[in-house]
Amino acid sequence: MGNHRAVFVTSNPNKRREAAAILGIELDRADLDLPEIQALDVAEVAAEKARAAHEALGGPARPVIVEDSGLIVESWNGLPGALTKWFIKSVGHAGILKMLGAQEARQARAVCAVAVAGNGEVRVFVGEVAGALVREPRGESGFGWDPIFVPDGSSLTYAEMGEAKSADSHRARAFRAAREWLGEGKG
């Protein structure tokens, strides 16, 4: 696929900017309303969305990239996973924290899957960051569940970190893995 610009399917221009910066390539953005399978595993959801996006865009020669992310609360056996955005939409940050209640076990993992569709195949790259959920949402920047997640080794939530979050987030790790693969000319 060489030097063709890749297409990143997202409705969020901030995510496109972040992805382009990490990948080191220009990305065109396509905003598609893709069907989303109901599954906890973000890698499974991202792969399915990448297949659907590639088809919806007419099977272009250039790579089509889709990202899906979620929060895995260790004591909830994989929940909310890929369903995180629906949890937040329905109960908000406060609702998720309320569901955790007073329990001490607040370990969670931020997980991102980047799926690249092209050349008749879909490759998925996963990035994870271990951390914990706070008791009260904190911080103004970021999106999604950034105000309630603190990565291990930090005292700040993703939302309090601002731009520094991008240096080593779950999304950065997944896109870096994809960059290595794309950079080898396989994309």
N, C-alpha and C. Protein backbone atom coordinates (compact mmCIF):
# COMPACT_ATOMS: atom_id res chain seq x y z
N MET A 1 0.81 -1.19 0.00
CA MET A 1 0.00 0.00 0.00
C MET A 1 0.86 1.26 0.00
N GLY A 2 2.11 1.09 0.24
CA GLY A 2 3.07 2.19 0.08
C GLY A 2 2.73 3.48 0.78
N ASN A 3 2.86 4.59 0.03
CA ASN A 3 2.73 5.90 0.65
C ASN A 3 1.33 6.49 0.61
N HIS A 4 0.34 5.68 0.26
CA HIS A 4 -1.02 6.22 0.27
C HIS A 4 -1.36 6.66 1.68
N ARG A 5 -2.05 7.78 1.78
CA ARG A 5 -2.50 8.20 3.10
C ARG A 5 -3.50 7.20 3.63
N ALA A 6 -3.38 6.92 4.91
CA ALA A 6 -4.33 6.01 5.53
C ALA A 6 -5.59 6.79 5.91
N VAL A 7 -6.67 6.07 6.09
CA VAL A 7 -7.93 6.67 6.52
C VAL A 7 -8.20 6.22 7.95
N PHE A 8 -8.41 7.17 8.85
CA PHE A 8 -8.73 6.85 10.24
C PHE A 8 -10.22 7.11 10.43
N VAL A 9 -10.95 6.09 10.80
CA VAL A 9 -12.38 6.22 10.97
C VAL A 9 -12.68 6.62 12.41
N THR A 10 -13.09 7.87 12.59
CA THR A 10 -13.44 8.39 13.92
C THR A 10 -14.29 9.64 13.76
N SER A 11 -15.15 9.89 14.72
CA SER A 11 -15.93 11.13 14.70
C SER A 11 -15.21 12.20 15.52
N ASN A 12 -14.09 11.82 16.14
CA ASN A 12 -13.39 12.72 17.06
C ASN A 12 -12.11 13.26 16.43
N PRO A 13 -12.11 14.56 16.04
CA PRO A 13 -10.91 15.12 15.40
C PRO A 13 -9.68 15.11 16.31
N ASN A 14 -9.88 15.15 17.63
CA ASN A 14 -8.74 15.08 18.57
C ASN A 14 -8.06 13.72 18.50
N LYS A 15 -8.87 12.68 18.37
CA LYS A 15 -8.30 11.33 18.24
C LYS A 15 -7.50 11.22 16.95
N ARG A 16 -8.01 11.83 15.85
CA ARG A 16 -7.29 11.78 14.58
C ARG A 16 -5.94 12.46 14.72
N ARG A 17 -5.93 13.63 15.35
CA ARG A 17 -4.66 14.37 15.54
C ARG A 17 -3.68 13.56 16.36
N GLU A 18 -4.16 12.99 17.46
CA GLU A 18 -3.32 12.19 18.34
C GLU A 18 -2.75 10.98 17.57
N ALA A 19 -3.60 10.30 16.80
CA ALA A 19 -3.17 9.12 16.05
C ALA A 19 -2.14 9.48 14.99
N ALA A 20 -2.38 10.59 14.27
CA ALA A 20 -1.46 11.02 13.21
C ALA A 20 -0.09 11.35 13.81
N ALA A 21 -0.10 12.00 14.97
CA ALA A 21 1.17 12.37 15.62
C ALA A 21 1.95 11.11 16.02
N ILE A 22 1.27 10.12 16.57
CA ILE A 22 1.94 8.90 17.01
C ILE A 22 2.42 8.08 15.81
N LEU A 23 1.58 7.97 14.77
CA LEU A 23 1.94 7.17 13.60
C LEU A 23 2.98 7.86 12.73
N GLY A 24 3.04 9.19 12.84
CA GLY A 24 3.99 9.94 12.02
C GLY A 24 3.59 9.98 10.56
N ILE A 25 2.30 9.83 10.29
CA ILE A 25 1.80 9.93 8.91
C ILE A 25 0.54 10.80 8.90
N GLU A 26 0.25 11.34 7.74
CA GLU A 26 -0.99 12.09 7.58
C GLU A 26 -2.15 11.10 7.56
N LEU A 27 -3.22 11.47 8.22
CA LEU A 27 -4.39 10.60 8.22
C LEU A 27 -5.59 11.38 7.72
N ASP A 28 -6.30 10.81 6.77
CA ASP A 28 -7.59 11.37 6.39
C ASP A 28 -8.59 10.84 7.40
N ARG A 29 -9.62 11.64 7.69
CA ARG A 29 -10.61 11.20 8.66
C ARG A 29 -11.91 10.88 7.95
N ALA A 30 -12.51 9.75 8.27
CA ALA A 30 -13.82 9.40 7.76
C ALA A 30 -14.73 9.20 8.96
N ASP A 31 -15.88 9.82 8.92
CA ASP A 31 -16.84 9.68 10.01
C ASP A 31 -17.96 8.77 9.52
N LEU A 32 -17.88 7.50 9.88
CA LEU A 32 -18.87 6.52 9.43
C LEU A 32 -19.68 6.06 10.63
N ASP A 33 -20.95 5.82 10.42
CA ASP A 33 -21.77 5.25 11.48
C ASP A 33 -21.70 3.74 11.31
N LEU A 34 -20.79 3.12 12.04
CA LEU A 34 -20.56 1.68 11.86
C LEU A 34 -21.36 0.87 12.86
N PRO A 35 -21.85 -0.29 12.43
CA PRO A 35 -22.50 -1.17 13.40
C PRO A 35 -21.45 -1.64 14.40
N GLU A 36 -21.83 -1.72 15.65
CA GLU A 36 -20.87 -2.15 16.65
C GLU A 36 -21.36 -3.43 17.29
N ILE A 37 -20.58 -4.50 17.17
CA ILE A 37 -20.99 -5.76 17.77
C ILE A 37 -20.96 -5.59 19.29
N GLN A 38 -21.83 -6.31 19.96
CA GLN A 38 -21.87 -6.25 21.42
C GLN A 38 -20.91 -7.29 21.96
N ALA A 39 -19.75 -6.81 22.39
CA ALA A 39 -18.74 -7.70 22.95
C ALA A 39 -17.92 -6.90 23.94
N LEU A 40 -17.34 -7.58 24.91
CA LEU A 40 -16.50 -6.89 25.90
C LEU A 40 -15.10 -6.64 25.36
N ASP A 41 -14.64 -7.52 24.49
CA ASP A 41 -13.26 -7.49 24.01
C ASP A 41 -13.05 -6.38 22.98
N VAL A 42 -12.27 -5.35 23.34
CA VAL A 42 -12.08 -4.23 22.42
C VAL A 42 -11.39 -4.65 21.12
N ALA A 43 -10.54 -5.67 21.17
CA ALA A 43 -9.85 -6.14 19.96
C ALA A 43 -10.86 -6.73 18.97
N GLU A 44 -11.81 -7.48 19.49
CA GLU A 44 -12.84 -8.10 18.66
C GLU A 44 -13.72 -7.01 18.02
N VAL A 45 -14.11 -6.01 18.83
CA VAL A 45 -14.95 -4.92 18.34
C VAL A 45 -14.21 -4.10 17.27
N ALA A 46 -12.94 -3.78 17.54
CA ALA A 46 -12.15 -2.98 16.59
C ALA A 46 -11.98 -3.72 15.26
N ALA A 47 -11.69 -5.00 15.32
CA ALA A 47 -11.49 -5.79 14.10
C ALA A 47 -12.76 -5.81 13.26
N GLU A 48 -13.88 -6.01 13.90
CA GLU A 48 -15.17 -6.06 13.20
C GLU A 48 -15.48 -4.70 12.58
N LYS A 49 -15.22 -3.61 13.35
CA LYS A 49 -15.47 -2.27 12.84
C LYS A 49 -14.54 -1.94 11.66
N ALA A 50 -13.31 -2.40 11.71
CA ALA A 50 -12.36 -2.14 10.62
C ALA A 50 -12.83 -2.84 9.34
N ARG A 51 -13.30 -4.07 9.48
CA ARG A 51 -13.83 -4.80 8.32
C ARG A 51 -15.00 -4.04 7.71
N ALA A 52 -15.93 -3.62 8.57
CA ALA A 52 -17.13 -2.90 8.12
C ALA A 52 -16.75 -1.56 7.48
N ALA A 53 -15.78 -0.86 8.06
CA ALA A 53 -15.36 0.44 7.54
C ALA A 53 -14.70 0.29 6.18
N HIS A 54 -13.84 -0.71 6.04
CA HIS A 54 -13.15 -0.96 4.77
C HIS A 54 -14.18 -1.20 3.66
N GLU A 55 -15.19 -1.99 4.00
CA GLU A 55 -16.26 -2.29 3.05
C GLU A 55 -17.08 -1.03 2.73
N ALA A 56 -17.44 -0.26 3.77
CA ALA A 56 -18.25 0.95 3.60
C ALA A 56 -17.54 2.00 2.75
N LEU A 57 -16.20 1.99 2.81
CA LEU A 57 -15.41 2.95 2.04
C LEU A 57 -15.10 2.42 0.63
N GLY A 58 -15.67 1.28 0.30
CA GLY A 58 -15.50 0.74 -1.06
C GLY A 58 -14.24 -0.08 -1.25
N GLY A 59 -13.65 -0.59 -0.15
CA GLY A 59 -12.46 -1.43 -0.25
C GLY A 59 -11.26 -0.72 -0.84
N PRO A 60 -10.88 0.45 -0.29
CA PRO A 60 -9.77 1.21 -0.86
C PRO A 60 -8.43 0.48 -0.76
N ALA A 61 -7.48 0.90 -1.60
CA ALA A 61 -6.15 0.29 -1.60
C ALA A 61 -5.35 0.73 -0.37
N ARG A 62 -5.71 1.88 0.19
CA ARG A 62 -4.96 2.36 1.35
C ARG A 62 -5.53 1.79 2.65
N PRO A 63 -4.71 1.77 3.71
CA PRO A 63 -5.17 1.18 4.97
C PRO A 63 -6.32 1.97 5.59
N VAL A 64 -7.25 1.24 6.17
CA VAL A 64 -8.36 1.84 6.92
C VAL A 64 -8.13 1.47 8.38
N ILE A 65 -8.05 2.48 9.22
CA ILE A 65 -7.70 2.27 10.63
C ILE A 65 -8.90 2.61 11.52
N VAL A 66 -9.17 1.71 12.45
CA VAL A 66 -10.24 1.92 13.42
C VAL A 66 -9.66 1.66 14.80
N GLU A 67 -10.13 2.43 15.76
CA GLU A 67 -9.64 2.28 17.13
C GLU A 67 -10.83 2.07 18.04
N ASP A 68 -10.67 1.21 19.02
CA ASP A 68 -11.71 1.05 20.03
C ASP A 68 -11.00 0.94 21.37
N SER A 69 -11.58 1.54 22.37
CA SER A 69 -10.92 1.44 23.67
C SER A 69 -11.95 1.25 24.76
N GLY A 70 -11.45 0.85 25.90
CA GLY A 70 -12.35 0.63 27.02
C GLY A 70 -11.56 0.48 28.29
N LEU A 71 -12.32 0.43 29.34
CA LEU A 71 -11.78 0.33 30.68
C LEU A 71 -12.16 -1.04 31.21
N ILE A 72 -11.19 -1.77 31.72
CA ILE A 72 -11.50 -3.06 32.32
C ILE A 72 -11.29 -2.94 33.82
N VAL A 73 -12.37 -3.07 34.57
CA VAL A 73 -12.29 -3.05 36.02
C VAL A 73 -11.99 -4.48 36.45
N GLU A 74 -10.83 -4.69 37.07
CA GLU A 74 -10.36 -6.05 37.34
C GLU A 74 -11.37 -6.88 38.14
N SER A 75 -12.04 -6.26 39.10
CA SER A 75 -12.97 -7.03 39.94
C SER A 75 -14.31 -7.28 39.23
N TRP A 76 -14.48 -6.74 38.01
CA TRP A 76 -15.74 -6.92 37.28
C TRP A 76 -15.60 -7.89 36.11
N ASN A 77 -14.55 -8.71 36.10
CA ASN A 77 -14.41 -9.75 35.07
C ASN A 77 -14.53 -9.25 33.64
N GLY A 78 -13.81 -8.19 33.30
CA GLY A 78 -13.80 -7.71 31.91
C GLY A 78 -14.75 -6.56 31.62
N LEU A 79 -15.68 -6.30 32.51
CA LEU A 79 -16.58 -5.16 32.33
C LEU A 79 -15.88 -3.85 32.72
N PRO A 80 -16.28 -2.70 32.19
CA PRO A 80 -17.18 -2.60 31.06
C PRO A 80 -16.53 -2.85 29.70
N GLY A 81 -15.19 -2.90 29.62
CA GLY A 81 -14.54 -3.24 28.35
C GLY A 81 -14.98 -2.35 27.22
N ALA A 82 -15.32 -2.97 26.08
CA ALA A 82 -15.73 -2.20 24.90
C ALA A 82 -17.06 -1.49 25.11
N LEU A 83 -17.75 -1.83 26.19
CA LEU A 83 -19.04 -1.19 26.48
C LEU A 83 -18.88 0.06 27.35
N THR A 84 -17.63 0.46 27.64
CA THR A 84 -17.38 1.59 28.53
C THR A 84 -18.13 2.85 28.12
N LYS A 85 -18.10 3.17 26.81
CA LYS A 85 -18.74 4.43 26.41
C LYS A 85 -20.24 4.40 26.66
N TRP A 86 -20.85 3.20 26.57
CA TRP A 86 -22.29 3.09 26.84
C TRP A 86 -22.55 3.23 28.34
N PHE A 87 -21.67 2.68 29.16
CA PHE A 87 -21.79 2.84 30.61
C PHE A 87 -21.75 4.33 30.95
N ILE A 88 -20.78 5.04 30.37
CA ILE A 88 -20.63 6.47 30.68
C ILE A 88 -21.83 7.26 30.17
N LYS A 89 -22.31 6.90 28.96
CA LYS A 89 -23.47 7.59 28.41
C LYS A 89 -24.69 7.43 29.31
N SER A 90 -24.86 6.24 29.88
CA SER A 90 -26.06 6.01 30.68
C SER A 90 -25.94 6.40 32.15
N VAL A 91 -24.79 6.19 32.76
CA VAL A 91 -24.68 6.51 34.20
C VAL A 91 -23.62 7.56 34.53
N GLY A 92 -22.81 7.94 33.54
CA GLY A 92 -21.78 8.95 33.79
C GLY A 92 -20.62 8.42 34.62
N HIS A 93 -19.61 9.28 34.78
CA HIS A 93 -18.43 8.90 35.58
C HIS A 93 -18.85 8.58 37.00
N ALA A 94 -19.71 9.45 37.55
CA ALA A 94 -20.14 9.27 38.94
C ALA A 94 -20.84 7.92 39.12
N GLY A 95 -21.62 7.52 38.13
CA GLY A 95 -22.33 6.25 38.21
C GLY A 95 -21.40 5.06 38.25
N ILE A 96 -20.36 5.11 37.41
CA ILE A 96 -19.39 4.01 37.41
C ILE A 96 -18.69 3.93 38.77
N LEU A 97 -18.29 5.09 39.29
CA LEU A 97 -17.61 5.11 40.58
C LEU A 97 -18.55 4.65 41.70
N LYS A 98 -19.82 5.00 41.57
CA LYS A 98 -20.81 4.59 42.57
C LYS A 98 -20.99 3.07 42.55
N MET A 99 -20.94 2.48 41.34
CA MET A 99 -21.06 1.02 41.23
C MET A 99 -19.90 0.32 41.94
N LEU A 100 -18.74 0.96 41.92
CA LEU A 100 -17.59 0.38 42.63
C LEU A 100 -17.79 0.48 44.12
N GLY A 101 -18.55 1.49 44.53
CA GLY A 101 -18.84 1.66 45.95
C GLY A 101 -17.58 1.93 46.76
N ALA A 102 -17.57 1.45 47.97
CA ALA A 102 -16.46 1.74 48.89
C ALA A 102 -15.36 0.70 48.79
N GLN A 103 -15.50 -0.23 47.84
CA GLN A 103 -14.51 -1.31 47.79
C GLN A 103 -13.10 -0.77 47.57
N GLU A 104 -12.16 -1.44 48.18
CA GLU A 104 -10.75 -1.01 48.09
C GLU A 104 -10.11 -1.43 46.78
N ALA A 105 -10.57 -2.56 46.23
CA ALA A 105 -9.97 -3.06 44.99
C ALA A 105 -10.47 -2.20 43.83
N ARG A 106 -9.65 -1.26 43.40
CA ARG A 106 -10.06 -0.34 42.34
C ARG A 106 -9.16 -0.48 41.11
N GLN A 107 -8.42 -1.59 41.04
CA GLN A 107 -7.53 -1.81 39.90
C GLN A 107 -8.32 -1.87 38.61
N ALA A 108 -7.73 -1.23 37.59
CA ALA A 108 -8.37 -1.23 36.28
C ALA A 108 -7.28 -1.19 35.22
N ARG A 109 -7.67 -1.53 34.01
CA ARG A 109 -6.74 -1.42 32.88
C ARG A 109 -7.41 -0.59 31.79
N ALA A 110 -6.66 0.36 31.26
CA ALA A 110 -7.10 1.09 30.08
C ALA A 110 -6.59 0.29 28.89
N VAL A 111 -7.50 -0.08 28.00
CA VAL A 111 -7.14 -0.93 26.87
C VAL A 111 -7.56 -0.26 25.57
N CYS A 112 -6.68 -0.27 24.59
CA CYS A 112 -6.99 0.27 23.28
C CYS A 112 -6.60 -0.75 22.23
N ALA A 113 -7.49 -0.95 21.26
CA ALA A 113 -7.18 -1.82 20.13
C ALA A 113 -7.24 -0.99 18.86
N VAL A 114 -6.17 -1.05 18.07
CA VAL A 114 -6.12 -0.37 16.78
C VAL A 114 -6.17 -1.46 15.72
N ALA A 115 -7.20 -1.40 14.88
CA ALA A 115 -7.35 -2.40 13.82
C ALA A 115 -7.07 -1.74 12.48
N VAL A 116 -6.23 -2.39 11.67
CA VAL A 116 -5.87 -1.88 10.35
C VAL A 116 -6.38 -2.87 9.31
N ALA A 117 -7.29 -2.39 8.45
CA ALA A 117 -7.85 -3.25 7.39
C ALA A 117 -7.25 -2.86 6.06
N GLY A 118 -6.86 -3.87 5.28
CA GLY A 118 -6.32 -3.63 3.95
C GLY A 118 -5.69 -4.90 3.43
N ASN A 119 -5.50 -4.97 2.13
CA ASN A 119 -4.90 -6.16 1.52
C ASN A 119 -5.62 -7.43 1.93
N GLY A 120 -6.92 -7.32 2.12
CA GLY A 120 -7.70 -8.51 2.44
C GLY A 120 -7.52 -9.06 3.83
N GLU A 121 -6.87 -8.30 4.71
CA GLU A 121 -6.72 -8.80 6.08
C GLU A 121 -6.94 -7.67 7.08
N VAL A 122 -7.17 -8.06 8.32
CA VAL A 122 -7.29 -7.09 9.40
C VAL A 122 -6.27 -7.47 10.46
N ARG A 123 -5.42 -6.52 10.81
CA ARG A 123 -4.44 -6.72 11.89
C ARG A 123 -4.86 -5.89 13.08
N VAL A 124 -4.76 -6.45 14.28
CA VAL A 124 -5.15 -5.71 15.49
C VAL A 124 -3.94 -5.56 16.40
N PHE A 125 -3.76 -4.35 16.91
CA PHE A 125 -2.66 -4.02 17.81
C PHE A 125 -3.26 -3.50 19.11
N VAL A 126 -2.85 -4.09 20.23
CA VAL A 126 -3.47 -3.73 21.51
C VAL A 126 -2.45 -3.05 22.42
N GLY A 127 -2.89 -1.98 23.06
CA GLY A 127 -2.07 -1.29 24.06
C GLY A 127 -2.84 -1.27 25.37
N GLU A 128 -2.13 -1.52 26.47
CA GLU A 128 -2.77 -1.54 27.79
C GLU A 128 -1.95 -0.73 28.77
N VAL A 129 -2.65 -0.07 29.69
CA VAL A 129 -2.00 0.62 30.80
C VAL A 129 -2.74 0.21 32.07
N ALA A 130 -1.99 -0.29 33.04
CA ALA A 130 -2.60 -0.66 34.32
C ALA A 130 -2.74 0.58 35.18
N GLY A 131 -3.76 0.58 36.01
CA GLY A 131 -3.97 1.72 36.89
C GLY A 131 -5.10 1.44 37.86
N ALA A 132 -5.79 2.50 38.26
CA ALA A 132 -6.88 2.36 39.23
C ALA A 132 -7.90 3.45 38.99
N LEU A 133 -9.10 3.22 39.50
CA LEU A 133 -10.15 4.22 39.40
C LEU A 133 -10.16 5.06 40.68
N VAL A 134 -10.32 6.35 40.49
CA VAL A 134 -10.34 7.28 41.63
C VAL A 134 -11.72 7.23 42.30
N ARG A 135 -11.86 7.95 43.41
CA ARG A 135 -13.14 7.97 44.11
C ARG A 135 -14.04 9.09 43.61
N GLU A 136 -13.43 10.17 43.08
CA GLU A 136 -14.18 11.31 42.53
C GLU A 136 -13.54 11.69 41.20
N PRO A 137 -14.34 12.02 40.16
CA PRO A 137 -13.75 12.47 38.89
C PRO A 137 -12.87 13.71 39.09
N ARG A 138 -11.72 13.75 38.40
CA ARG A 138 -10.79 14.89 38.53
C ARG A 138 -10.21 15.25 37.18
N GLY A 139 -10.11 16.55 36.91
CA GLY A 139 -9.44 17.02 35.70
C GLY A 139 -10.41 17.45 34.62
N GLU A 140 -9.93 18.34 33.77
CA GLU A 140 -10.78 18.94 32.73
C GLU A 140 -10.45 18.47 31.32
N SER A 141 -9.21 18.02 31.08
CA SER A 141 -8.83 17.71 29.70
C SER A 141 -9.17 16.26 29.36
N GLY A 142 -8.94 15.90 28.11
CA GLY A 142 -9.17 14.53 27.70
C GLY A 142 -10.62 14.28 27.33
N PHE A 143 -10.95 13.00 27.17
CA PHE A 143 -12.31 12.62 26.78
C PHE A 143 -12.61 11.26 27.37
N GLY A 144 -13.84 10.81 27.18
CA GLY A 144 -14.22 9.48 27.68
C GLY A 144 -14.09 9.40 29.18
N TRP A 145 -13.38 8.40 29.65
CA TRP A 145 -13.26 8.14 31.08
C TRP A 145 -11.97 8.70 31.67
N ASP A 146 -11.32 9.62 30.96
CA ASP A 146 -10.06 10.21 31.44
C ASP A 146 -10.15 10.77 32.87
N PRO A 147 -11.29 11.37 33.30
CA PRO A 147 -11.34 11.93 34.65
C PRO A 147 -11.36 10.91 35.78
N ILE A 148 -11.55 9.62 35.48
CA ILE A 148 -11.66 8.65 36.59
C ILE A 148 -10.53 7.62 36.61
N PHE A 149 -9.58 7.70 35.65
CA PHE A 149 -8.51 6.69 35.57
C PHE A 149 -7.15 7.30 35.88
N VAL A 150 -6.43 6.67 36.82
CA VAL A 150 -5.06 7.07 37.16
C VAL A 150 -4.14 5.92 36.79
N PRO A 151 -3.18 6.16 35.86
CA PRO A 151 -2.26 5.07 35.52
C PRO A 151 -1.28 4.79 36.66
N ASP A 152 -0.85 3.53 36.77
CA ASP A 152 0.15 3.18 37.78
C ASP A 152 1.36 4.10 37.66
N GLY A 153 1.92 4.49 38.79
CA GLY A 153 3.12 5.34 38.77
C GLY A 153 2.80 6.82 38.72
N SER A 154 1.52 7.17 38.67
CA SER A 154 1.12 8.58 38.64
C SER A 154 0.11 8.83 39.73
N SER A 155 -0.03 10.10 40.12
CA SER A 155 -1.09 10.45 41.06
C SER A 155 -2.17 11.24 40.34
N LEU A 156 -1.95 11.50 39.03
CA LEU A 156 -2.89 12.29 38.24
C LEU A 156 -3.79 11.41 37.40
N THR A 157 -5.04 11.85 37.23
CA THR A 157 -5.92 11.16 36.28
C THR A 157 -5.46 11.55 34.88
N TYR A 158 -5.88 10.77 33.89
CA TYR A 158 -5.58 11.12 32.50
C TYR A 158 -6.07 12.54 32.20
N ALA A 159 -7.23 12.91 32.75
CA ALA A 159 -7.80 14.23 32.48
C ALA A 159 -6.99 15.36 33.11
N GLU A 160 -6.22 15.04 34.15
CA GLU A 160 -5.37 16.07 34.79
C GLU A 160 -4.02 16.19 34.09
N MET A 161 -3.67 15.21 33.27
CA MET A 161 -2.34 15.19 32.63
C MET A 161 -2.23 16.10 31.42
N GLY A 162 -3.36 16.41 30.79
CA GLY A 162 -3.31 17.20 29.57
C GLY A 162 -2.56 16.46 28.48
N GLU A 163 -1.73 17.18 27.73
CA GLU A 163 -1.00 16.59 26.61
C GLU A 163 -0.05 15.46 27.03
N ALA A 164 0.42 15.52 28.28
CA ALA A 164 1.37 14.51 28.76
C ALA A 164 0.78 13.10 28.69
N LYS A 165 -0.54 13.00 28.74
CA LYS A 165 -1.20 11.69 28.68
C LYS A 165 -0.79 10.94 27.42
N SER A 166 -0.69 11.66 26.30
CA SER A 166 -0.42 11.02 25.00
C SER A 166 0.94 10.34 24.93
N ALA A 167 1.85 10.73 25.82
CA ALA A 167 3.21 10.19 25.77
C ALA A 167 3.22 8.67 25.94
N ASP A 168 2.37 8.14 26.83
CA ASP A 168 2.41 6.70 27.07
C ASP A 168 1.06 6.14 27.44
N SER A 169 0.01 6.60 26.79
CA SER A 169 -1.32 6.09 27.10
C SER A 169 -1.55 4.74 26.43
N HIS A 170 -2.65 4.09 26.79
CA HIS A 170 -3.05 2.83 26.14
C HIS A 170 -3.17 3.04 24.64
N ARG A 171 -3.70 4.20 24.24
CA ARG A 171 -3.86 4.51 22.81
C ARG A 171 -2.49 4.68 22.15
N ALA A 172 -1.59 5.39 22.83
CA ALA A 172 -0.23 5.59 22.30
C ALA A 172 0.46 4.24 22.10
N ARG A 173 0.31 3.34 23.06
CA ARG A 173 0.97 2.03 22.97
C ARG A 173 0.42 1.22 21.79
N ALA A 174 -0.90 1.27 21.60
CA ALA A 174 -1.51 0.52 20.49
C ALA A 174 -1.08 1.11 19.15
N PHE A 175 -1.10 2.45 19.04
CA PHE A 175 -0.72 3.08 17.77
C PHE A 175 0.78 2.90 17.49
N ARG A 176 1.61 2.87 18.55
CA ARG A 176 3.04 2.63 18.33
C ARG A 176 3.27 1.23 17.76
N ALA A 177 2.52 0.25 18.27
CA ALA A 177 2.64 -1.12 17.74
C ALA A 177 2.20 -1.15 16.28
N ALA A 178 1.11 -0.43 15.97
CA ALA A 178 0.63 -0.37 14.59
C ALA A 178 1.65 0.35 13.70
N ARG A 179 2.29 1.39 14.23
CA ARG A 179 3.27 2.16 13.45
C ARG A 179 4.42 1.26 13.03
N GLU A 180 4.90 0.44 13.95
CA GLU A 180 6.02 -0.45 13.61
C GLU A 180 5.62 -1.36 12.46
N TRP A 181 4.41 -1.89 12.51
CA TRP A 181 3.95 -2.79 11.47
C TRP A 181 3.75 -2.04 10.15
N LEU A 182 3.10 -0.87 10.21
CA LEU A 182 2.89 -0.05 9.00
C LEU A 182 4.23 0.39 8.42
N GLY A 183 5.17 0.71 9.31
CA GLY A 183 6.48 1.19 8.90
C GLY A 183 7.32 0.13 8.20
N GLU A 184 6.99 -1.14 8.48
CA GLU A 184 7.72 -2.22 7.81
C GLU A 184 7.18 -2.45 6.39
N GLY A 185 6.25 -1.59 5.98
CA GLY A 185 5.73 -1.70 4.63
C GLY A 185 4.69 -2.79 4.44
N LYS A 186 4.24 -3.35 5.58
CA LYS A 186 3.25 -4.41 5.46
C LYS A 186 1.86 -3.83 5.36
N GLY A 187 1.72 -2.54 5.78
CA GLY A 187 0.38 -1.95 5.79
C GLY A 187 -0.05 -1.53 4.42
